[in-house]
Amino acid sequence: MSNKDEIIQRAENALDKIRPYLQADGGDVKFVELTHDNVLIVDLIGACEHCPFSKFTLKLGVEQTIMQEVPEIQSVVVRTE
């Protein structure tokens, strides 16, 4: 397993820890990509997708947890299309 694969697996495991809290409010988070500079790109789905507080959820919940679990991650951002 490459270093990038290991980081992705650890990030997915951290997302699994966050997921029940988001699902309790009708939302969820989905891994999209880990960039070459260790930025984790995710989709917020369900109720989280259009929630006016999703930026707070992302930064104070998702990003904080991910970066504690996987310090190699530089930031967590929502995919823009």
PDB file of N, CA and C in Angstrom:
ATOM      1  N   MET A   1       0.851  -1.180   0.000  1.00  0.00           N
ATOM      2  CA  MET A   1       0.000   0.000   0.000  1.00  0.00           C
ATOM      3  C   MET A   1       0.894   1.241   0.000  1.00  0.00           C
ATOM      4  N   SER A   2       0.617   2.170  -0.898  1.00  0.00           N
ATOM      5  CA  SER A   2       1.405   3.394  -0.976  1.00  0.00           C
ATOM      6  C   SER A   2       1.036   4.334   0.162  1.00  0.00           C
ATOM      7  N   ASN A   3       1.899   5.321   0.367  1.00  0.00           N
ATOM      8  CA  ASN A   3       1.643   6.314   1.410  1.00  0.00           C
ATOM      9  C   ASN A   3       0.312   7.030   1.160  1.00  0.00           C
ATOM     10  N   LYS A   4       0.045   7.376  -0.098  1.00  0.00           N
ATOM     11  CA  LYS A   4      -1.212   8.055  -0.421  1.00  0.00           C
ATOM     12  C   LYS A   4      -2.402   7.144  -0.125  1.00  0.00           C
ATOM     13  N   ASP A   5      -2.293   5.869  -0.464  1.00  0.00           N
ATOM     14  CA  ASP A   5      -3.371   4.919  -0.176  1.00  0.00           C
ATOM     15  C   ASP A   5      -3.614   4.807   1.326  1.00  0.00           C
ATOM     16  N   GLU A   6      -2.532   4.820   2.095  1.00  0.00           N
ATOM     17  CA  GLU A   6      -2.665   4.728   3.552  1.00  0.00           C
ATOM     18  C   GLU A   6      -3.360   5.978   4.106  1.00  0.00           C
ATOM     19  N   ILE A   7      -2.994   7.140   3.607  1.00  0.00           N
ATOM     20  CA  ILE A   7      -3.629   8.382   4.048  1.00  0.00           C
ATOM     21  C   ILE A   7      -5.116   8.357   3.695  1.00  0.00           C
ATOM     22  N   ILE A   8      -5.430   7.915   2.492  1.00  0.00           N
ATOM     23  CA  ILE A   8      -6.836   7.821   2.067  1.00  0.00           C
ATOM     24  C   ILE A   8      -7.601   6.879   2.991  1.00  0.00           C
ATOM     25  N   GLN A   9      -7.036   5.735   3.304  1.00  0.00           N
ATOM     26  CA  GLN A   9      -7.716   4.774   4.177  1.00  0.00           C
ATOM     27  C   GLN A   9      -7.957   5.357   5.566  1.00  0.00           C
ATOM     28  N   ARG A  10      -6.957   6.047   6.104  1.00  0.00           N
ATOM     29  CA  ARG A  10      -7.116   6.678   7.419  1.00  0.00           C
ATOM     30  C   ARG A  10      -8.154   7.793   7.371  1.00  0.00           C
ATOM     31  N   ALA A  11      -8.178   8.545   6.267  1.00  0.00           N
ATOM     32  CA  ALA A  11      -9.186   9.599   6.111  1.00  0.00           C
ATOM     33  C   ALA A  11     -10.589   8.997   6.022  1.00  0.00           C
ATOM     34  N   GLU A  12     -10.723   7.908   5.282  1.00  0.00           N
ATOM     35  CA  GLU A  12     -12.027   7.225   5.181  1.00  0.00           C
ATOM     36  C   GLU A  12     -12.462   6.715   6.551  1.00  0.00           C
ATOM     37  N   ASN A  13     -11.534   6.178   7.337  1.00  0.00           N
ATOM     38  CA  ASN A  13     -11.862   5.713   8.683  1.00  0.00           C
ATOM     39  C   ASN A  13     -12.323   6.872   9.565  1.00  0.00           C
ATOM     40  N   ALA A  14     -11.667   8.026   9.430  1.00  0.00           N
ATOM     41  CA  ALA A  14     -12.071   9.208  10.203  1.00  0.00           C
ATOM     42  C   ALA A  14     -13.454   9.683   9.757  1.00  0.00           C
ATOM     43  N   LEU A  15     -13.724   9.649   8.457  1.00  0.00           N
ATOM     44  CA  LEU A  15     -15.057  10.017   7.969  1.00  0.00           C
ATOM     45  C   LEU A  15     -16.117   9.078   8.542  1.00  0.00           C
ATOM     46  N   ASP A  16     -15.776   7.807   8.687  1.00  0.00           N
ATOM     47  CA  ASP A  16     -16.718   6.849   9.272  1.00  0.00           C
ATOM     48  C   ASP A  16     -17.068   7.210  10.714  1.00  0.00           C
ATOM     49  N   LYS A  17     -16.141   7.840  11.432  1.00  0.00           N
ATOM     50  CA  LYS A  17     -16.413   8.268  12.807  1.00  0.00           C
ATOM     51  C   LYS A  17     -17.368   9.468  12.844  1.00  0.00           C
ATOM     52  N   ILE A  18     -17.287  10.317  11.840  1.00  0.00           N
ATOM     53  CA  ILE A  18     -18.110  11.536  11.775  1.00  0.00           C
ATOM     54  C   ILE A  18     -19.501  11.237  11.236  1.00  0.00           C
ATOM     55  N   ARG A  19     -19.565  10.304  10.337  1.00  0.00           N
ATOM     56  CA  ARG A  19     -20.782  10.008   9.583  1.00  0.00           C
ATOM     57  C   ARG A  19     -22.043   9.847  10.445  1.00  0.00           C
ATOM     58  N   PRO A  20     -22.016   9.112  11.567  1.00  0.00           N
ATOM     59  CA  PRO A  20     -23.251   8.948  12.351  1.00  0.00           C
ATOM     60  C   PRO A  20     -23.848  10.268  12.843  1.00  0.00           C
ATOM     61  N   TYR A  21     -23.003  11.236  13.156  1.00  0.00           N
ATOM     62  CA  TYR A  21     -23.498  12.537  13.616  1.00  0.00           C
ATOM     63  C   TYR A  21     -24.195  13.288  12.483  1.00  0.00           C
ATOM     64  N   LEU A  22     -23.642  13.211  11.293  1.00  0.00           N
ATOM     65  CA  LEU A  22     -24.252  13.857  10.138  1.00  0.00           C
ATOM     66  C   LEU A  22     -25.544  13.140   9.740  1.00  0.00           C
ATOM     67  N   GLN A  23     -25.511  11.820   9.781  1.00  0.00           N
ATOM     68  CA  GLN A  23     -26.685  11.037   9.405  1.00  0.00           C
ATOM     69  C   GLN A  23     -27.843  11.246  10.375  1.00  0.00           C
ATOM     70  N   ALA A  24     -27.538  11.529  11.623  1.00  0.00           N
ATOM     71  CA  ALA A  24     -28.585  11.781  12.617  1.00  0.00           C
ATOM     72  C   ALA A  24     -29.412  13.006  12.243  1.00  0.00           C
ATOM     73  N   ASP A  25     -28.818  13.920  11.466  1.00  0.00           N
ATOM     74  CA  ASP A  25     -29.522  15.119  11.010  1.00  0.00           C
ATOM     75  C   ASP A  25     -29.925  15.029   9.545  1.00  0.00           C
ATOM     76  N   GLY A  26     -29.851  13.833   8.969  1.00  0.00           N
ATOM     77  CA  GLY A  26     -30.288  13.636   7.591  1.00  0.00           C
ATOM     78  C   GLY A  26     -29.241  13.913   6.535  1.00  0.00           C
ATOM     79  N   GLY A  27     -27.987  14.055   6.943  1.00  0.00           N
ATOM     80  CA  GLY A  27     -26.928  14.340   5.985  1.00  0.00           C
ATOM     81  C   GLY A  27     -25.896  13.236   5.934  1.00  0.00           C
ATOM     82  N   ASP A  28     -24.821  13.509   5.236  1.00  0.00           N
ATOM     83  CA  ASP A  28     -23.717  12.562   5.151  1.00  0.00           C
ATOM     84  C   ASP A  28     -22.536  13.256   4.481  1.00  0.00           C
ATOM     85  N   VAL A  29     -21.403  12.591   4.484  1.00  0.00           N
ATOM     86  CA  VAL A  29     -20.200  13.093   3.838  1.00  0.00           C
ATOM     87  C   VAL A  29     -19.618  11.954   3.014  1.00  0.00           C
ATOM     88  N   LYS A  30     -19.085  12.300   1.852  1.00  0.00           N
ATOM     89  CA  LYS A  30     -18.557  11.286   0.935  1.00  0.00           C
ATOM     90  C   LYS A  30     -17.162  11.700   0.485  1.00  0.00           C
ATOM     91  N   PHE A  31     -16.213  10.783   0.570  1.00  0.00           N
ATOM     92  CA  PHE A  31     -14.865  11.009   0.070  1.00  0.00           C
ATOM     93  C   PHE A  31     -14.916  11.169  -1.444  1.00  0.00           C
ATOM     94  N   VAL A  32     -14.202  12.168  -1.964  1.00  0.00           N
ATOM     95  CA  VAL A  32     -14.113  12.371  -3.410  1.00  0.00           C
ATOM     96  C   VAL A  32     -12.684  12.151  -3.888  1.00  0.00           C
ATOM     97  N   GLU A  33     -11.729  12.848  -3.272  1.00  0.00           N
ATOM     98  CA  GLU A  33     -10.357  12.807  -3.782  1.00  0.00           C
ATOM     99  C   GLU A  33      -9.388  13.325  -2.728  1.00  0.00           C
ATOM    100  N   LEU A  34      -8.172  12.828  -2.784  1.00  0.00           N
ATOM    101  CA  LEU A  34      -7.059  13.392  -2.039  1.00  0.00           C
ATOM    102  C   LEU A  34      -6.102  13.967  -3.072  1.00  0.00           C
ATOM    103  N   THR A  35      -5.879  15.265  -3.018  1.00  0.00           N
ATOM    104  CA  THR A  35      -5.030  15.915  -4.018  1.00  0.00           C
ATOM    105  C   THR A  35      -3.559  15.634  -3.740  1.00  0.00           C
ATOM    106  N   HIS A  36      -2.717  15.996  -4.700  1.00  0.00           N
ATOM    107  CA  HIS A  36      -1.276  15.785  -4.561  1.00  0.00           C
ATOM    108  C   HIS A  36      -0.683  16.553  -3.386  1.00  0.00           C
ATOM    109  N   ASP A  37      -1.342  17.649  -2.973  1.00  0.00           N
ATOM    110  CA  ASP A  37      -0.851  18.430  -1.836  1.00  0.00           C
ATOM    111  C   ASP A  37      -1.649  18.148  -0.558  1.00  0.00           C
ATOM    112  N   ASN A  38      -2.254  16.964  -0.492  1.00  0.00           N
ATOM    113  CA  ASN A  38      -2.960  16.462   0.693  1.00  0.00           C
ATOM    114  C   ASN A  38      -4.138  17.317   1.138  1.00  0.00           C
ATOM    115  N   VAL A  39      -4.882  17.807   0.179  1.00  0.00           N
ATOM    116  CA  VAL A  39      -6.168  18.434   0.464  1.00  0.00           C
ATOM    117  C   VAL A  39      -7.235  17.378   0.203  1.00  0.00           C
ATOM    118  N   LEU A  40      -8.080  17.151   1.197  1.00  0.00           N
ATOM    119  CA  LEU A  40      -9.139  16.164   1.082  1.00  0.00           C
ATOM    120  C   LEU A  40     -10.384  16.840   0.518  1.00  0.00           C
ATOM    121  N   ILE A  41     -10.880  16.325  -0.584  1.00  0.00           N
ATOM    122  CA  ILE A  41     -12.083  16.861  -1.212  1.00  0.00           C
ATOM    123  C   ILE A  41     -13.228  15.907  -0.904  1.00  0.00           C
ATOM    124  N   VAL A  42     -14.332  16.472  -0.402  1.00  0.00           N
ATOM    125  CA  VAL A  42     -15.497  15.677  -0.023  1.00  0.00           C
ATOM    126  C   VAL A  42     -16.757  16.277  -0.632  1.00  0.00           C
ATOM    127  N   ASP A  43     -17.805  15.486  -0.633  1.00  0.00           N
ATOM    128  CA  ASP A  43     -19.149  15.972  -0.939  1.00  0.00           C
ATOM    129  C   ASP A  43     -19.947  15.927   0.347  1.00  0.00           C
ATOM    130  N   LEU A  44     -20.667  16.992   0.647  1.00  0.00           N
ATOM    131  CA  LEU A  44     -21.659  16.960   1.705  1.00  0.00           C
ATOM    132  C   LEU A  44     -22.971  16.624   1.012  1.00  0.00           C
ATOM    133  N   ILE A  45     -23.671  15.620   1.495  1.00  0.00           N
ATOM    134  CA  ILE A  45     -24.875  15.165   0.813  1.00  0.00           C
ATOM    135  C   ILE A  45     -26.060  15.145   1.765  1.00  0.00           C
ATOM    136  N   GLY A  46     -27.231  14.941   1.193  1.00  0.00           N
ATOM    137  CA  GLY A  46     -28.455  14.934   1.984  1.00  0.00           C
ATOM    138  C   GLY A  46     -28.722  16.312   2.560  1.00  0.00           C
ATOM    139  N   ALA A  47     -29.150  16.347   3.811  1.00  0.00           N
ATOM    140  CA  ALA A  47     -29.484  17.613   4.467  1.00  0.00           C
ATOM    141  C   ALA A  47     -28.273  18.539   4.562  1.00  0.00           C
ATOM    142  N   CYS A  48     -27.079  17.985   4.602  1.00  0.00           N
ATOM    143  CA  CYS A  48     -25.865  18.807   4.708  1.00  0.00           C
ATOM    144  C   CYS A  48     -25.583  19.606   3.437  1.00  0.00           C
ATOM    145  N   GLU A  49     -26.073  19.114   2.325  1.00  0.00           N
ATOM    146  CA  GLU A  49     -25.754  19.730   1.038  1.00  0.00           C
ATOM    147  C   GLU A  49     -26.225  21.178   0.942  1.00  0.00           C
ATOM    148  N   HIS A  50     -27.406  21.468   1.451  1.00  0.00           N
ATOM    149  CA  HIS A  50     -27.968  22.816   1.322  1.00  0.00           C
ATOM    150  C   HIS A  50     -28.140  23.516   2.657  1.00  0.00           C
ATOM    151  N   CYS A  51     -27.613  22.936   3.706  1.00  0.00           N
ATOM    152  CA  CYS A  51     -27.754  23.519   5.033  1.00  0.00           C
ATOM    153  C   CYS A  51     -26.962  24.820   5.130  1.00  0.00           C
ATOM    154  N   PRO A  52     -27.559  25.876   5.690  1.00  0.00           N
ATOM    155  CA  PRO A  52     -26.828  27.145   5.817  1.00  0.00           C
ATOM    156  C   PRO A  52     -25.642  27.046   6.781  1.00  0.00           C
ATOM    157  N   PHE A  53     -25.594  26.007   7.585  1.00  0.00           N
ATOM    158  CA  PHE A  53     -24.496  25.838   8.539  1.00  0.00           C
ATOM    159  C   PHE A  53     -23.452  24.838   8.051  1.00  0.00           C
ATOM    160  N   SER A  54     -23.536  24.422   6.800  1.00  0.00           N
ATOM    161  CA  SER A  54     -22.623  23.381   6.296  1.00  0.00           C
ATOM    162  C   SER A  54     -21.161  23.813   6.350  1.00  0.00           C
ATOM    163  N   LYS A  55     -20.872  25.093   6.187  1.00  0.00           N
ATOM    164  CA  LYS A  55     -19.477  25.550   6.272  1.00  0.00           C
ATOM    165  C   LYS A  55     -18.932  25.352   7.682  1.00  0.00           C
ATOM    166  N   PHE A  56     -19.778  25.594   8.676  1.00  0.00           N
ATOM    167  CA  PHE A  56     -19.362  25.376  10.058  1.00  0.00           C
ATOM    168  C   PHE A  56     -19.171  23.885  10.329  1.00  0.00           C
ATOM    169  N   THR A  57     -20.107  23.081   9.824  1.00  0.00           N
ATOM    170  CA  THR A  57     -20.001  21.626   9.979  1.00  0.00           C
ATOM    171  C   THR A  57     -18.707  21.132   9.355  1.00  0.00           C
ATOM    172  N   LEU A  58     -18.393  21.643   8.174  1.00  0.00           N
ATOM    173  CA  LEU A  58     -17.190  21.208   7.474  1.00  0.00           C
ATOM    174  C   LEU A  58     -15.942  21.572   8.261  1.00  0.00           C
ATOM    175  N   LYS A  59     -15.822  22.816   8.661  1.00  0.00           N
ATOM    176  CA  LYS A  59     -14.593  23.285   9.307  1.00  0.00           C
ATOM    177  C   LYS A  59     -14.479  22.828  10.754  1.00  0.00           C
ATOM    178  N   LEU A  60     -15.572  22.943  11.521  1.00  0.00           N
ATOM    179  CA  LEU A  60     -15.496  22.648  12.952  1.00  0.00           C
ATOM    180  C   LEU A  60     -15.716  21.184  13.282  1.00  0.00           C
ATOM    181  N   GLY A  61     -16.342  20.455  12.392  1.00  0.00           N
ATOM    182  CA  GLY A  61     -16.603  19.045  12.641  1.00  0.00           C
ATOM    183  C   GLY A  61     -15.741  18.150  11.793  1.00  0.00           C
ATOM    184  N   VAL A  62     -15.987  18.189  10.508  1.00  0.00           N
ATOM    185  CA  VAL A  62     -15.317  17.265   9.590  1.00  0.00           C
ATOM    186  C   VAL A  62     -13.812  17.542   9.527  1.00  0.00           C
ATOM    187  N   GLU A  63     -13.431  18.753   9.192  1.00  0.00           N
ATOM    188  CA  GLU A  63     -12.008  19.051   9.020  1.00  0.00           C
ATOM    189  C   GLU A  63     -11.231  18.840  10.310  1.00  0.00           C
ATOM    190  N   GLN A  64     -11.765  19.304  11.414  1.00  0.00           N
ATOM    191  CA  GLN A  64     -11.061  19.171  12.682  1.00  0.00           C
ATOM    192  C   GLN A  64     -10.820  17.698  13.040  1.00  0.00           C
ATOM    193  N   THR A  65     -11.834  16.877  12.870  1.00  0.00           N
ATOM    194  CA  THR A  65     -11.693  15.454  13.166  1.00  0.00           C
ATOM    195  C   THR A  65     -10.703  14.791  12.221  1.00  0.00           C
ATOM    196  N   ILE A  66     -10.821  15.084  10.936  1.00  0.00           N
ATOM    197  CA  ILE A  66      -9.912  14.484   9.947  1.00  0.00           C
ATOM    198  C   ILE A  66      -8.465  14.856  10.261  1.00  0.00           C
ATOM    199  N   MET A  67      -8.223  16.115  10.545  1.00  0.00           N
ATOM    200  CA  MET A  67      -6.844  16.564  10.751  1.00  0.00           C
ATOM    201  C   MET A  67      -6.262  16.026  12.059  1.00  0.00           C
ATOM    202  N   GLN A  68      -7.109  15.738  13.042  1.00  0.00           N
ATOM    203  CA  GLN A  68      -6.621  15.095  14.267  1.00  0.00           C
ATOM    204  C   GLN A  68      -6.224  13.646  13.981  1.00  0.00           C
ATOM    205  N   GLU A  69      -7.036  12.973  13.189  1.00  0.00           N
ATOM    206  CA  GLU A  69      -6.802  11.566  12.875  1.00  0.00           C
ATOM    207  C   GLU A  69      -5.712  11.373  11.820  1.00  0.00           C
ATOM    208  N   VAL A  70      -5.620  12.325  10.902  1.00  0.00           N
ATOM    209  CA  VAL A  70      -4.690  12.210   9.771  1.00  0.00           C
ATOM    210  C   VAL A  70      -3.960  13.549   9.615  1.00  0.00           C
ATOM    211  N   PRO A  71      -2.923  13.772  10.421  1.00  0.00           N
ATOM    212  CA  PRO A  71      -2.244  15.074  10.401  1.00  0.00           C
ATOM    213  C   PRO A  71      -1.613  15.449   9.062  1.00  0.00           C
ATOM    214  N   GLU A  72      -1.446  14.472   8.179  1.00  0.00           N
ATOM    215  CA  GLU A  72      -0.887  14.781   6.854  1.00  0.00           C
ATOM    216  C   GLU A  72      -1.858  15.599   6.000  1.00  0.00           C
ATOM    217  N   ILE A  73      -3.136  15.535   6.320  1.00  0.00           N
ATOM    218  CA  ILE A  73      -4.152  16.287   5.567  1.00  0.00           C
ATOM    219  C   ILE A  73      -3.981  17.774   5.878  1.00  0.00           C
ATOM    220  N   GLN A  74      -3.893  18.582   4.837  1.00  0.00           N
ATOM    221  CA  GLN A  74      -3.696  20.023   4.998  1.00  0.00           C
ATOM    222  C   GLN A  74      -4.993  20.782   5.222  1.00  0.00           C
ATOM    223  N   SER A  75      -6.056  20.346   4.548  1.00  0.00           N
ATOM    224  CA  SER A  75      -7.369  20.960   4.720  1.00  0.00           C
ATOM    225  C   SER A  75      -8.416  20.033   4.095  1.00  0.00           C
ATOM    226  N   VAL A  76      -9.665  20.331   4.420  1.00  0.00           N
ATOM    227  CA  VAL A  76     -10.787  19.586   3.867  1.00  0.00           C
ATOM    228  C   VAL A  76     -11.698  20.599   3.195  1.00  0.00           C
ATOM    229  N   VAL A  77     -12.049  20.337   1.940  1.00  0.00           N
ATOM    230  CA  VAL A  77     -12.894  21.246   1.183  1.00  0.00           C
ATOM    231  C   VAL A  77     -14.014  20.461   0.528  1.00  0.00           C
ATOM    232  N   VAL A  78     -15.110  21.173   0.246  1.00  0.00           N
ATOM    233  CA  VAL A  78     -16.228  20.578  -0.466  1.00  0.00           C
ATOM    234  C   VAL A  78     -15.975  20.729  -1.959  1.00  0.00           C
ATOM    235  N   ARG A  79     -16.270  19.668  -2.687  1.00  0.00           N
ATOM    236  CA  ARG A  79     -16.080  19.691  -4.147  1.00  0.00           C
ATOM    237  C   ARG A  79     -16.953  20.780  -4.767  1.00  0.00           C
ATOM    238  N   THR A  80     -16.346  21.519  -5.656  1.00  0.00           N
ATOM    239  CA  THR A  80     -17.105  22.483  -6.454  1.00  0.00           C
ATOM    240  C   THR A  80     -17.091  21.969  -7.882  1.00  0.00           C
ATOM    241  N   GLU A  81     -18.199  22.140  -8.556  1.00  0.00           N
ATOM    242  CA  GLU A  81     -18.289  21.564  -9.901  1.00  0.00           C
ATOM    243  C   GLU A  81     -18.199  22.601 -10.969  1.00  0.00           C
TER     244      GLU A  81
END
